[in-house]
Amino acid sequence: MGKKKDKKAGKEHDNLATASAMPITGNGLLASEVEEGENAKPKKKISNKQYLAELRELQIELVKLQEWIKHTGLKVVVIFEGRDAAGKGGTIKRITECLSPRVCRVVALPAPTERERTQWYFQRYVAHLPAAGEMVLFDRSWYNRAGVEHVMGFCTEEEYWEFLRACPSFERMLVRAGIYVIKYWFSVSDEEQEQRFQARIDDPTKRWKLSPMDLTARSRWVEYSMAKDQMFAYTDIKQAPWYVVNADVKKLARLNCIHHLLQQIPYEDLTPEPIKLPTRQSEIGYVRTPMDYQTFVPEVYPKS
């Protein structure tokens, strides 16, 4: 038993050493982060008109996918991870805005309670997994342990390594149980994240999005890069691979992610035949209550 533990510990040490030894660029970033967008090709652009037209087509297909999931009883989990301000929330909103919350729901869990901290780590996430005919979108997920918890010291080294060992087995178990597990990492460059953070600071309606934790995460950019590389090394498995979304241009990231998601689940078009509204019921002697018996919302708009 002692030899096996030593062997495993050695392997973990070697993996960590490999991640730590990854080439660092002149601006202090891991080479893998450079490949994710930093100092890469010039940004591609898309007009708002074309974006809305493409989004409309994709959302129609999402409705078809929803009906197929409901009809066939599929169980789908989609995980959205990535740096702060990478555009995960905006993509999730575009996916859900035309779908039924009874079929497609979003899970964005707060920090664990004292009781949850004493549970098996995956326990509070299991409670939100889909039943038949449901798709669940995790706006951050159990991968918090491999990212923010590890970098910020909210978990022990033992808990961190146990997560990296257990997570692939956990996800393989979900897949064997008939659950689709689709994982997206939204990659954003240093410069783009800085611009988005500044935009949040300047906009009163978005300032709440910028937490002290976000600012601390930005100051630890390289540490998060190393944590992401280590996470991929352990959890980018055949049964549930990671898909990286280039998120420097929000509109393109949304379109590309939704398009890719639609390719992951074979579905058929169950659009019903054209619907014809029935004839309205006659008054049959009904006398309507006087309007002044009701309390109306003041009509302030349009302002003169």
C-alpha atoms as a PDB file:
ATOM      1  CA  MET A   1       0.000   0.000   0.000  1.00  0.00           C
ATOM      2  CA  GLY A   2       2.827   2.411   0.902  1.00  0.00           C
ATOM      3  CA  LYS A   3       4.544   1.889  -2.444  1.00  0.00           C
ATOM      4  CA  LYS A   4       1.344   2.587  -4.391  1.00  0.00           C
ATOM      5  CA  LYS A   5       0.775   5.845  -2.516  1.00  0.00           C
ATOM      6  CA  ASP A   6       4.384   6.907  -3.115  1.00  0.00           C
ATOM      7  CA  LYS A   7       4.015   6.130  -6.800  1.00  0.00           C
ATOM      8  CA  LYS A   8       0.824   8.192  -7.082  1.00  0.00           C
ATOM      9  CA  ALA A   9       2.313  11.065  -5.144  1.00  0.00           C
ATOM     10  CA  GLY A  10       5.322  10.990  -7.423  1.00  0.00           C
ATOM     11  CA  LYS A  11       3.124  11.108 -10.493  1.00  0.00           C
ATOM     12  CA  GLU A  12       1.195  14.077  -9.095  1.00  0.00           C
ATOM     13  CA  HIS A  13       4.469  15.836  -8.311  1.00  0.00           C
ATOM     14  CA  ASP A  14       5.732  15.195 -11.839  1.00  0.00           C
ATOM     15  CA  ASN A  15       2.504  16.553 -13.345  1.00  0.00           C
ATOM     16  CA  LEU A  16       2.692  19.686 -11.228  1.00  0.00           C
ATOM     17  CA  ALA A  17       6.341  20.129 -12.120  1.00  0.00           C
ATOM     18  CA  THR A  18       5.464  19.807 -15.809  1.00  0.00           C
ATOM     19  CA  ALA A  19       2.803  22.485 -15.518  1.00  0.00           C
ATOM     20  CA  SER A  20       5.177  24.738 -13.571  1.00  0.00           C
ATOM     21  CA  ALA A  21       7.876  24.239 -16.184  1.00  0.00           C
ATOM     22  CA  MET A  22       5.700  25.294 -19.098  1.00  0.00           C
ATOM     23  CA  PRO A  23       7.312  28.081 -21.140  1.00  0.00           C
ATOM     24  CA  ILE A  24       6.572  31.600 -19.948  1.00  0.00           C
ATOM     25  CA  THR A  25       6.411  34.376 -22.530  1.00  0.00           C
ATOM     26  CA  GLY A  26       8.039  37.768 -22.232  1.00  0.00           C
ATOM     27  CA  ASN A  27       4.853  39.323 -20.856  1.00  0.00           C
ATOM     28  CA  GLY A  28       4.673  36.805 -18.034  1.00  0.00           C
ATOM     29  CA  LEU A  29       1.959  34.564 -19.509  1.00  0.00           C
ATOM     30  CA  LEU A  30       2.034  30.843 -20.083  1.00  0.00           C
ATOM     31  CA  ALA A  31       2.552  29.827 -23.696  1.00  0.00           C
ATOM     32  CA  SER A  32      -0.824  28.087 -23.640  1.00  0.00           C
ATOM     33  CA  GLU A  33      -2.502  31.386 -22.749  1.00  0.00           C
ATOM     34  CA  VAL A  34      -0.805  33.062 -25.688  1.00  0.00           C
ATOM     35  CA  GLU A  35      -2.293  30.405 -27.935  1.00  0.00           C
ATOM     36  CA  GLU A  36      -5.698  31.178 -26.436  1.00  0.00           C
ATOM     37  CA  GLY A  37      -5.752  34.699 -27.787  1.00  0.00           C
ATOM     38  CA  GLU A  38      -2.952  36.838 -26.384  1.00  0.00           C
ATOM     39  CA  ASN A  39      -0.960  38.536 -29.184  1.00  0.00           C
ATOM     40  CA  ALA A  40      -2.822  36.357 -31.665  1.00  0.00           C
ATOM     41  CA  LYS A  41      -4.440  37.259 -34.990  1.00  0.00           C
ATOM     42  CA  PRO A  42      -6.395  40.530 -35.312  1.00  0.00           C
ATOM     43  CA  LYS A  43      -9.957  40.334 -34.055  1.00  0.00           C
ATOM     44  CA  LYS A  44     -12.594  39.241 -36.487  1.00  0.00           C
ATOM     45  CA  LYS A  45     -15.713  41.381 -36.663  1.00  0.00           C
ATOM     46  CA  ILE A  46     -19.386  40.862 -37.405  1.00  0.00           C
ATOM     47  CA  SER A  47     -22.063  43.464 -38.030  1.00  0.00           C
ATOM     48  CA  ASN A  48     -24.947  43.663 -35.589  1.00  0.00           C
ATOM     49  CA  LYS A  49     -27.394  42.912 -38.407  1.00  0.00           C
ATOM     50  CA  GLN A  50     -25.571  39.737 -39.404  1.00  0.00           C
ATOM     51  CA  TYR A  51     -25.124  38.734 -35.760  1.00  0.00           C
ATOM     52  CA  LEU A  52     -28.843  39.035 -35.013  1.00  0.00           C
ATOM     53  CA  ALA A  53     -29.758  37.129 -38.182  1.00  0.00           C
ATOM     54  CA  GLU A  54     -27.347  34.287 -37.374  1.00  0.00           C
ATOM     55  CA  LEU A  55     -28.449  34.229 -33.739  1.00  0.00           C
ATOM     56  CA  ARG A  56     -32.085  33.990 -34.804  1.00  0.00           C
ATOM     57  CA  GLU A  57     -31.355  30.917 -36.922  1.00  0.00           C
ATOM     58  CA  LEU A  58     -29.403  29.257 -34.133  1.00  0.00           C
ATOM     59  CA  GLN A  59     -32.114  29.972 -31.566  1.00  0.00           C
ATOM     60  CA  ILE A  60     -34.707  28.361 -33.830  1.00  0.00           C
ATOM     61  CA  GLU A  61     -32.494  25.268 -33.892  1.00  0.00           C
ATOM     62  CA  LEU A  62     -32.161  25.416 -30.101  1.00  0.00           C
ATOM     63  CA  VAL A  63     -35.946  25.271 -29.826  1.00  0.00           C
ATOM     64  CA  LYS A  64     -35.915  22.175 -32.043  1.00  0.00           C
ATOM     65  CA  LEU A  65     -33.223  20.654 -29.834  1.00  0.00           C
ATOM     66  CA  GLN A  66     -35.303  21.462 -26.757  1.00  0.00           C
ATOM     67  CA  GLU A  67     -38.338  19.671 -28.179  1.00  0.00           C
ATOM     68  CA  TRP A  68     -36.190  16.663 -29.054  1.00  0.00           C
ATOM     69  CA  ILE A  69     -34.705  16.518 -25.548  1.00  0.00           C
ATOM     70  CA  LYS A  70     -38.185  16.696 -24.072  1.00  0.00           C
ATOM     71  CA  HIS A  71     -39.630  14.139 -26.494  1.00  0.00           C
ATOM     72  CA  THR A  72     -36.861  11.558 -26.129  1.00  0.00           C
ATOM     73  CA  GLY A  73     -36.112  12.083 -22.426  1.00  0.00           C
ATOM     74  CA  LEU A  74     -32.476  13.013 -22.936  1.00  0.00           C
ATOM     75  CA  LYS A  75     -30.396  14.312 -20.023  1.00  0.00           C
ATOM     76  CA  VAL A  76     -27.901  17.031 -20.915  1.00  0.00           C
ATOM     77  CA  VAL A  77     -25.308  18.887 -18.815  1.00  0.00           C
ATOM     78  CA  VAL A  78     -23.436  21.825 -20.315  1.00  0.00           C
ATOM     79  CA  ILE A  79     -20.595  23.333 -18.283  1.00  0.00           C
ATOM     80  CA  PHE A  80     -19.364  26.892 -18.835  1.00  0.00           C
ATOM     81  CA  GLU A  81     -15.981  27.772 -17.353  1.00  0.00           C
ATOM     82  CA  GLY A  82     -13.360  30.385 -18.075  1.00  0.00           C
ATOM     83  CA  ARG A  83     -11.837  33.582 -16.789  1.00  0.00           C
ATOM     84  CA  ASP A  84     -13.946  36.369 -15.298  1.00  0.00           C
ATOM     85  CA  ALA A  85     -15.601  38.567 -17.963  1.00  0.00           C
ATOM     86  CA  ALA A  86     -14.940  35.952 -20.650  1.00  0.00           C
ATOM     87  CA  GLY A  87     -18.587  36.032 -21.781  1.00  0.00           C
ATOM     88  CA  LYS A  88     -20.002  32.866 -20.240  1.00  0.00           C
ATOM     89  CA  GLY A  89     -23.094  34.580 -18.844  1.00  0.00           C
ATOM     90  CA  GLY A  90     -23.936  36.351 -22.090  1.00  0.00           C
ATOM     91  CA  THR A  91     -23.739  33.095 -24.035  1.00  0.00           C
ATOM     92  CA  ILE A  92     -25.955  31.325 -21.510  1.00  0.00           C
ATOM     93  CA  LYS A  93     -28.548  34.107 -21.801  1.00  0.00           C
ATOM     94  CA  ARG A  94     -28.659  33.780 -25.587  1.00  0.00           C
ATOM     95  CA  ILE A  95     -29.131  30.023 -25.278  1.00  0.00           C
ATOM     96  CA  THR A  96     -31.956  30.242 -22.760  1.00  0.00           C
ATOM     97  CA  GLU A  97     -33.898  33.315 -23.859  1.00  0.00           C
ATOM     98  CA  CYS A  98     -36.077  31.357 -26.315  1.00  0.00           C
ATOM     99  CA  LEU A  99     -36.254  28.113 -24.341  1.00  0.00           C
ATOM    100  CA  SER A 100     -38.630  26.891 -21.670  1.00  0.00           C
ATOM    101  CA  PRO A 101     -37.237  27.079 -18.105  1.00  0.00           C
ATOM    102  CA  ARG A 102     -39.034  23.779 -17.474  1.00  0.00           C
ATOM    103  CA  VAL A 103     -36.714  22.078 -19.953  1.00  0.00           C
ATOM    104  CA  CYS A 104     -33.572  24.223 -19.892  1.00  0.00           C
ATOM    105  CA  ARG A 105     -32.457  25.673 -16.568  1.00  0.00           C
ATOM    106  CA  VAL A 106     -29.366  27.499 -15.379  1.00  0.00           C
ATOM    107  CA  VAL A 107     -27.451  26.524 -12.235  1.00  0.00           C
ATOM    108  CA  ALA A 108     -25.175  29.200 -10.766  1.00  0.00           C
ATOM    109  CA  LEU A 109     -24.435  28.166  -7.211  1.00  0.00           C
ATOM    110  CA  PRO A 110     -23.218  30.615  -4.537  1.00  0.00           C
ATOM    111  CA  ALA A 111     -20.347  29.875  -2.170  1.00  0.00           C
ATOM    112  CA  PRO A 112     -20.968  26.658  -0.220  1.00  0.00           C
ATOM    113  CA  THR A 113     -22.528  26.844   3.224  1.00  0.00           C
ATOM    114  CA  GLU A 114     -20.791  25.527   6.327  1.00  0.00           C
ATOM    115  CA  ARG A 115     -22.803  22.317   6.036  1.00  0.00           C
ATOM    116  CA  GLU A 116     -22.011  21.909   2.329  1.00  0.00           C
ATOM    117  CA  ARG A 117     -18.297  22.285   3.062  1.00  0.00           C
ATOM    118  CA  THR A 118     -18.473  19.093   5.107  1.00  0.00           C
ATOM    119  CA  GLN A 119     -20.241  17.085   2.364  1.00  0.00           C
ATOM    120  CA  TRP A 120     -18.697  14.980  -0.367  1.00  0.00           C
ATOM    121  CA  TYR A 121     -17.467  17.644  -2.768  1.00  0.00           C
ATOM    122  CA  PHE A 122     -19.711  16.706  -5.710  1.00  0.00           C
ATOM    123  CA  GLN A 123     -22.801  16.271  -3.524  1.00  0.00           C
ATOM    124  CA  ARG A 124     -24.344  19.718  -3.942  1.00  0.00           C
ATOM    125  CA  TYR A 125     -23.882  19.573  -7.708  1.00  0.00           C
ATOM    126  CA  VAL A 126     -25.498  16.149  -8.014  1.00  0.00           C
ATOM    127  CA  ALA A 127     -28.741  17.630  -6.663  1.00  0.00           C
ATOM    128  CA  HIS A 128     -28.942  19.856  -9.761  1.00  0.00           C
ATOM    129  CA  LEU A 129     -28.281  17.221 -12.415  1.00  0.00           C
ATOM    130  CA  PRO A 130     -31.017  16.838 -15.056  1.00  0.00           C
ATOM    131  CA  ALA A 131     -33.880  14.377 -15.002  1.00  0.00           C
ATOM    132  CA  ALA A 132     -35.171  12.890 -18.261  1.00  0.00           C
ATOM    133  CA  GLY A 133     -36.135  15.590 -20.740  1.00  0.00           C
ATOM    134  CA  GLU A 134     -33.993  18.323 -19.174  1.00  0.00           C
ATOM    135  CA  MET A 135     -30.895  20.328 -20.098  1.00  0.00           C
ATOM    136  CA  VAL A 136     -28.920  21.998 -17.299  1.00  0.00           C
ATOM    137  CA  LEU A 137     -26.420  24.790 -17.948  1.00  0.00           C
ATOM    138  CA  PHE A 138     -23.823  25.171 -15.196  1.00  0.00           C
ATOM    139  CA  ASP A 139     -22.563  28.762 -14.972  1.00  0.00           C
ATOM    140  CA  ARG A 140     -19.397  27.567 -13.256  1.00  0.00           C
ATOM    141  CA  SER A 141     -19.475  24.112 -11.807  1.00  0.00           C
ATOM    142  CA  TRP A 142     -17.547  21.567  -9.772  1.00  0.00           C
ATOM    143  CA  TYR A 143     -14.459  22.905 -11.543  1.00  0.00           C
ATOM    144  CA  ASN A 144     -14.378  25.729  -8.973  1.00  0.00           C
ATOM    145  CA  ARG A 145     -12.107  23.439  -6.979  1.00  0.00           C
ATOM    146  CA  ALA A 146      -9.552  23.229  -9.773  1.00  0.00           C
ATOM    147  CA  GLY A 147      -9.614  26.994 -10.315  1.00  0.00           C
ATOM    148  CA  VAL A 148     -10.598  29.626  -7.792  1.00  0.00           C
ATOM    149  CA  GLU A 149     -10.548  27.347  -4.726  1.00  0.00           C
ATOM    150  CA  HIS A 150      -7.061  26.073  -5.537  1.00  0.00           C
ATOM    151  CA  VAL A 151      -5.536  29.423  -6.516  1.00  0.00           C
ATOM    152  CA  MET A 152      -7.131  31.388  -3.663  1.00  0.00           C
ATOM    153  CA  GLY A 153      -6.357  28.723  -1.055  1.00  0.00           C
ATOM    154  CA  PHE A 154      -9.983  27.892  -0.256  1.00  0.00           C
ATOM    155  CA  CYS A 155      -9.191  24.175  -0.312  1.00  0.00           C
ATOM    156  CA  THR A 156      -6.266  22.120   0.890  1.00  0.00           C
ATOM    157  CA  GLU A 157      -3.690  20.562  -1.413  1.00  0.00           C
ATOM    158  CA  GLU A 158      -5.086  17.152  -0.486  1.00  0.00           C
ATOM    159  CA  GLU A 159      -8.611  18.224  -1.471  1.00  0.00           C
ATOM    160  CA  TYR A 160      -7.287  19.683  -4.726  1.00  0.00           C
ATOM    161  CA  TRP A 161      -5.453  16.531  -5.772  1.00  0.00           C
ATOM    162  CA  GLU A 162      -8.380  14.351  -4.732  1.00  0.00           C
ATOM    163  CA  PHE A 163     -10.600  16.424  -7.027  1.00  0.00           C
ATOM    164  CA  LEU A 164      -8.262  15.976  -9.992  1.00  0.00           C
ATOM    165  CA  ARG A 165      -8.214  12.220  -9.362  1.00  0.00           C
ATOM    166  CA  ALA A 166     -11.965  11.881  -8.789  1.00  0.00           C
ATOM    167  CA  CYS A 167     -13.381  14.262 -11.396  1.00  0.00           C
ATOM    168  CA  PRO A 168     -12.699  12.093 -14.488  1.00  0.00           C
ATOM    169  CA  SER A 169     -14.290   9.088 -12.758  1.00  0.00           C
ATOM    170  CA  PHE A 170     -17.269  11.200 -11.701  1.00  0.00           C
ATOM    171  CA  GLU A 171     -17.854  12.456 -15.239  1.00  0.00           C
ATOM    172  CA  ARG A 172     -17.416   9.005 -16.762  1.00  0.00           C
ATOM    173  CA  MET A 173     -20.039   7.779 -14.307  1.00  0.00           C
ATOM    174  CA  LEU A 174     -22.440  10.498 -15.499  1.00  0.00           C
ATOM    175  CA  VAL A 175     -21.847   9.540 -19.119  1.00  0.00           C
ATOM    176  CA  ARG A 176     -22.432   5.855 -18.361  1.00  0.00           C
ATOM    177  CA  ALA A 177     -25.709   6.886 -16.719  1.00  0.00           C
ATOM    178  CA  GLY A 178     -26.828   8.317 -20.061  1.00  0.00           C
ATOM    179  CA  ILE A 179     -26.076  11.996 -19.383  1.00  0.00           C
ATOM    180  CA  TYR A 180     -24.501  14.144 -22.084  1.00  0.00           C
ATOM    181  CA  VAL A 181     -21.607  16.077 -20.491  1.00  0.00           C
ATOM    182  CA  ILE A 182     -20.430  18.992 -22.641  1.00  0.00           C
ATOM    183  CA  LYS A 183     -17.697  21.307 -21.300  1.00  0.00           C
ATOM    184  CA  TYR A 184     -16.751  24.764 -22.612  1.00  0.00           C
ATOM    185  CA  TRP A 185     -13.798  26.894 -21.582  1.00  0.00           C
ATOM    186  CA  PHE A 186     -14.154  30.556 -22.600  1.00  0.00           C
ATOM    187  CA  SER A 187     -10.725  31.960 -23.374  1.00  0.00           C
ATOM    188  CA  VAL A 188     -10.130  35.720 -23.267  1.00  0.00           C
ATOM    189  CA  SER A 189      -6.908  37.672 -23.663  1.00  0.00           C
ATOM    190  CA  ASP A 190      -5.364  39.880 -21.010  1.00  0.00           C
ATOM    191  CA  GLU A 191      -6.112  43.122 -22.897  1.00  0.00           C
ATOM    192  CA  GLU A 192      -9.730  42.188 -23.622  1.00  0.00           C
ATOM    193  CA  GLN A 193     -10.418  41.226 -20.021  1.00  0.00           C
ATOM    194  CA  GLU A 194      -8.988  44.532 -18.851  1.00  0.00           C
ATOM    195  CA  GLN A 195     -11.289  46.451 -21.225  1.00  0.00           C
ATOM    196  CA  ARG A 196     -14.334  44.518 -20.014  1.00  0.00           C
ATOM    197  CA  PHE A 197     -13.446  45.066 -16.369  1.00  0.00           C
ATOM    198  CA  GLN A 198     -13.077  48.795 -17.017  1.00  0.00           C
ATOM    199  CA  ALA A 199     -16.424  48.854 -18.826  1.00  0.00           C
ATOM    200  CA  ARG A 200     -18.048  47.264 -15.768  1.00  0.00           C
ATOM    201  CA  ILE A 201     -16.484  49.877 -13.510  1.00  0.00           C
ATOM    202  CA  ASP A 202     -17.827  52.677 -15.717  1.00  0.00           C
ATOM    203  CA  ASP A 203     -21.372  51.276 -16.107  1.00  0.00           C
ATOM    204  CA  PRO A 204     -23.618  51.567 -13.002  1.00  0.00           C
ATOM    205  CA  THR A 205     -25.792  48.699 -14.246  1.00  0.00           C
ATOM    206  CA  LYS A 206     -22.812  46.340 -14.532  1.00  0.00           C
ATOM    207  CA  ARG A 207     -20.701  47.366 -11.563  1.00  0.00           C
ATOM    208  CA  TRP A 208     -22.205  44.573  -9.440  1.00  0.00           C
ATOM    209  CA  LYS A 209     -20.577  42.045 -11.766  1.00  0.00           C
ATOM    210  CA  LEU A 210     -17.108  43.072 -10.587  1.00  0.00           C
ATOM    211  CA  SER A 211     -16.382  41.508  -7.209  1.00  0.00           C
ATOM    212  CA  PRO A 212     -13.239  41.781  -5.054  1.00  0.00           C
ATOM    213  CA  MET A 213     -12.580  38.159  -6.035  1.00  0.00           C
ATOM    214  CA  ASP A 214     -12.497  39.163  -9.719  1.00  0.00           C
ATOM    215  CA  LEU A 215      -9.885  41.822  -9.023  1.00  0.00           C
ATOM    216  CA  THR A 216      -7.758  39.390  -7.049  1.00  0.00           C
ATOM    217  CA  ALA A 217      -8.068  36.817  -9.846  1.00  0.00           C
ATOM    218  CA  ARG A 218      -6.789  39.380 -12.346  1.00  0.00           C
ATOM    219  CA  SER A 219      -3.724  40.052 -10.205  1.00  0.00           C
ATOM    220  CA  ARG A 220      -3.043  36.284 -10.268  1.00  0.00           C
ATOM    221  CA  TRP A 221      -3.384  35.800 -14.016  1.00  0.00           C
ATOM    222  CA  VAL A 222      -0.440  33.413 -14.380  1.00  0.00           C
ATOM    223  CA  GLU A 223      -1.472  31.303 -11.388  1.00  0.00           C
ATOM    224  CA  TYR A 224      -4.904  30.844 -12.959  1.00  0.00           C
ATOM    225  CA  SER A 225      -3.224  29.939 -16.250  1.00  0.00           C
ATOM    226  CA  MET A 226      -1.216  27.219 -14.537  1.00  0.00           C
ATOM    227  CA  ALA A 227      -4.316  25.946 -12.742  1.00  0.00           C
ATOM    228  CA  LYS A 228      -6.235  25.794 -16.026  1.00  0.00           C
ATOM    229  CA  ASP A 229      -3.429  23.859 -17.730  1.00  0.00           C
ATOM    230  CA  GLN A 230      -3.283  21.373 -14.864  1.00  0.00           C
ATOM    231  CA  MET A 231      -7.066  21.007 -14.900  1.00  0.00           C
ATOM    232  CA  PHE A 232      -7.044  20.244 -18.621  1.00  0.00           C
ATOM    233  CA  ALA A 233      -4.234  17.724 -18.199  1.00  0.00           C
ATOM    234  CA  TYR A 234      -6.357  15.664 -15.799  1.00  0.00           C
ATOM    235  CA  THR A 235      -9.944  16.258 -16.950  1.00  0.00           C
ATOM    236  CA  ASP A 236      -9.805  16.599 -20.742  1.00  0.00           C
ATOM    237  CA  ILE A 237     -11.068  13.047 -21.151  1.00  0.00           C
ATOM    238  CA  LYS A 238     -12.420  11.233 -24.195  1.00  0.00           C
ATOM    239  CA  GLN A 239     -15.878  10.762 -22.668  1.00  0.00           C
ATOM    240  CA  ALA A 240     -16.197  14.459 -21.752  1.00  0.00           C
ATOM    241  CA  PRO A 241     -13.578  16.583 -23.524  1.00  0.00           C
ATOM    242  CA  TRP A 242     -12.979  20.299 -23.062  1.00  0.00           C
ATOM    243  CA  TYR A 243     -13.913  22.607 -25.927  1.00  0.00           C
ATOM    244  CA  VAL A 244     -12.159  25.992 -25.937  1.00  0.00           C
ATOM    245  CA  VAL A 245     -14.145  29.001 -27.170  1.00  0.00           C
ATOM    246  CA  ASN A 246     -12.197  32.005 -28.443  1.00  0.00           C
ATOM    247  CA  ALA A 247     -14.110  34.692 -26.550  1.00  0.00           C
ATOM    248  CA  ASP A 248     -12.273  37.904 -27.432  1.00  0.00           C
ATOM    249  CA  VAL A 249     -15.257  38.908 -29.606  1.00  0.00           C
ATOM    250  CA  LYS A 250     -18.408  38.272 -27.591  1.00  0.00           C
ATOM    251  CA  LYS A 251     -20.849  38.023 -30.490  1.00  0.00           C
ATOM    252  CA  LEU A 252     -18.708  35.532 -32.388  1.00  0.00           C
ATOM    253  CA  ALA A 253     -18.087  33.510 -29.223  1.00  0.00           C
ATOM    254  CA  ARG A 254     -21.841  33.206 -28.661  1.00  0.00           C
ATOM    255  CA  LEU A 255     -22.543  32.132 -32.225  1.00  0.00           C
ATOM    256  CA  ASN A 256     -19.668  29.656 -32.371  1.00  0.00           C
ATOM    257  CA  CYS A 257     -20.510  28.111 -29.014  1.00  0.00           C
ATOM    258  CA  ILE A 258     -24.223  27.686 -29.794  1.00  0.00           C
ATOM    259  CA  HIS A 259     -23.436  26.271 -33.234  1.00  0.00           C
ATOM    260  CA  HIS A 260     -21.026  23.766 -31.693  1.00  0.00           C
ATOM    261  CA  LEU A 261     -23.497  22.803 -28.974  1.00  0.00           C
ATOM    262  CA  LEU A 262     -26.108  21.978 -31.612  1.00  0.00           C
ATOM    263  CA  GLN A 263     -23.622  19.592 -33.248  1.00  0.00           C
ATOM    264  CA  GLN A 264     -23.049  17.606 -30.048  1.00  0.00           C
ATOM    265  CA  ILE A 265     -26.556  16.139 -29.737  1.00  0.00           C
ATOM    266  CA  PRO A 266     -28.210  14.463 -32.734  1.00  0.00           C
ATOM    267  CA  TYR A 267     -31.797  15.713 -32.923  1.00  0.00           C
ATOM    268  CA  GLU A 268     -34.761  15.754 -35.272  1.00  0.00           C
ATOM    269  CA  ASP A 269     -37.166  18.523 -36.183  1.00  0.00           C
ATOM    270  CA  LEU A 270     -40.389  18.005 -34.254  1.00  0.00           C
ATOM    271  CA  THR A 271     -41.945  21.323 -35.268  1.00  0.00           C
ATOM    272  CA  PRO A 272     -45.734  20.829 -35.210  1.00  0.00           C
ATOM    273  CA  GLU A 273     -48.061  21.577 -38.087  1.00  0.00           C
ATOM    274  CA  PRO A 274     -49.129  25.239 -38.447  1.00  0.00           C
ATOM    275  CA  ILE A 275     -51.386  26.236 -35.575  1.00  0.00           C
ATOM    276  CA  LYS A 276     -54.773  27.858 -36.156  1.00  0.00           C
ATOM    277  CA  LEU A 277     -56.301  29.932 -33.361  1.00  0.00           C
ATOM    278  CA  PRO A 278     -59.791  28.834 -32.285  1.00  0.00           C
ATOM    279  CA  THR A 279     -62.722  31.223 -32.555  1.00  0.00           C
ATOM    280  CA  ARG A 280     -63.140  33.455 -29.508  1.00  0.00           C
ATOM    281  CA  GLN A 281     -65.966  32.572 -27.167  1.00  0.00           C
ATOM    282  CA  SER A 282     -69.101  34.742 -27.432  1.00  0.00           C
ATOM    283  CA  GLU A 283     -70.073  37.100 -24.616  1.00  0.00           C
ATOM    284  CA  ILE A 284     -72.953  34.799 -23.443  1.00  0.00           C
ATOM    285  CA  GLY A 285     -74.480  37.570 -21.350  1.00  0.00           C
ATOM    286  CA  TYR A 286     -71.237  38.505 -19.561  1.00  0.00           C
ATOM    287  CA  VAL A 287     -71.163  42.080 -18.206  1.00  0.00           C
ATOM    288  CA  ARG A 288     -67.645  43.362 -17.643  1.00  0.00           C
ATOM    289  CA  THR A 289     -66.669  44.975 -14.310  1.00  0.00           C
ATOM    290  CA  PRO A 290     -66.365  48.774 -14.640  1.00  0.00           C
ATOM    291  CA  MET A 291     -62.813  49.859 -15.390  1.00  0.00           C
ATOM    292  CA  ASP A 292     -62.690  52.323 -12.498  1.00  0.00           C
ATOM    293  CA  TYR A 293     -63.103  49.433 -10.057  1.00  0.00           C
ATOM    294  CA  GLN A 294     -59.554  48.338 -10.900  1.00  0.00           C
ATOM    295  CA  THR A 295     -56.214  49.816  -9.868  1.00  0.00           C
ATOM    296  CA  PHE A 296     -53.988  50.494 -12.866  1.00  0.00           C
ATOM    297  CA  VAL A 297     -50.264  51.170 -13.016  1.00  0.00           C
ATOM    298  CA  PRO A 298     -49.738  54.894 -13.709  1.00  0.00           C
ATOM    299  CA  GLU A 299     -48.921  55.513 -17.379  1.00  0.00           C
ATOM    300  CA  VAL A 300     -45.807  57.652 -16.989  1.00  0.00           C
ATOM    301  CA  TYR A 301     -44.522  56.823 -20.465  1.00  0.00           C
ATOM    302  CA  PRO A 302     -44.185  58.131 -23.053  1.00  0.00           C
ATOM    303  CA  LYS A 303     -42.896  61.267 -21.421  1.00  0.00           C
ATOM    304  CA  SER A 304     -43.973  64.506 -23.031  1.00  0.00           C
END
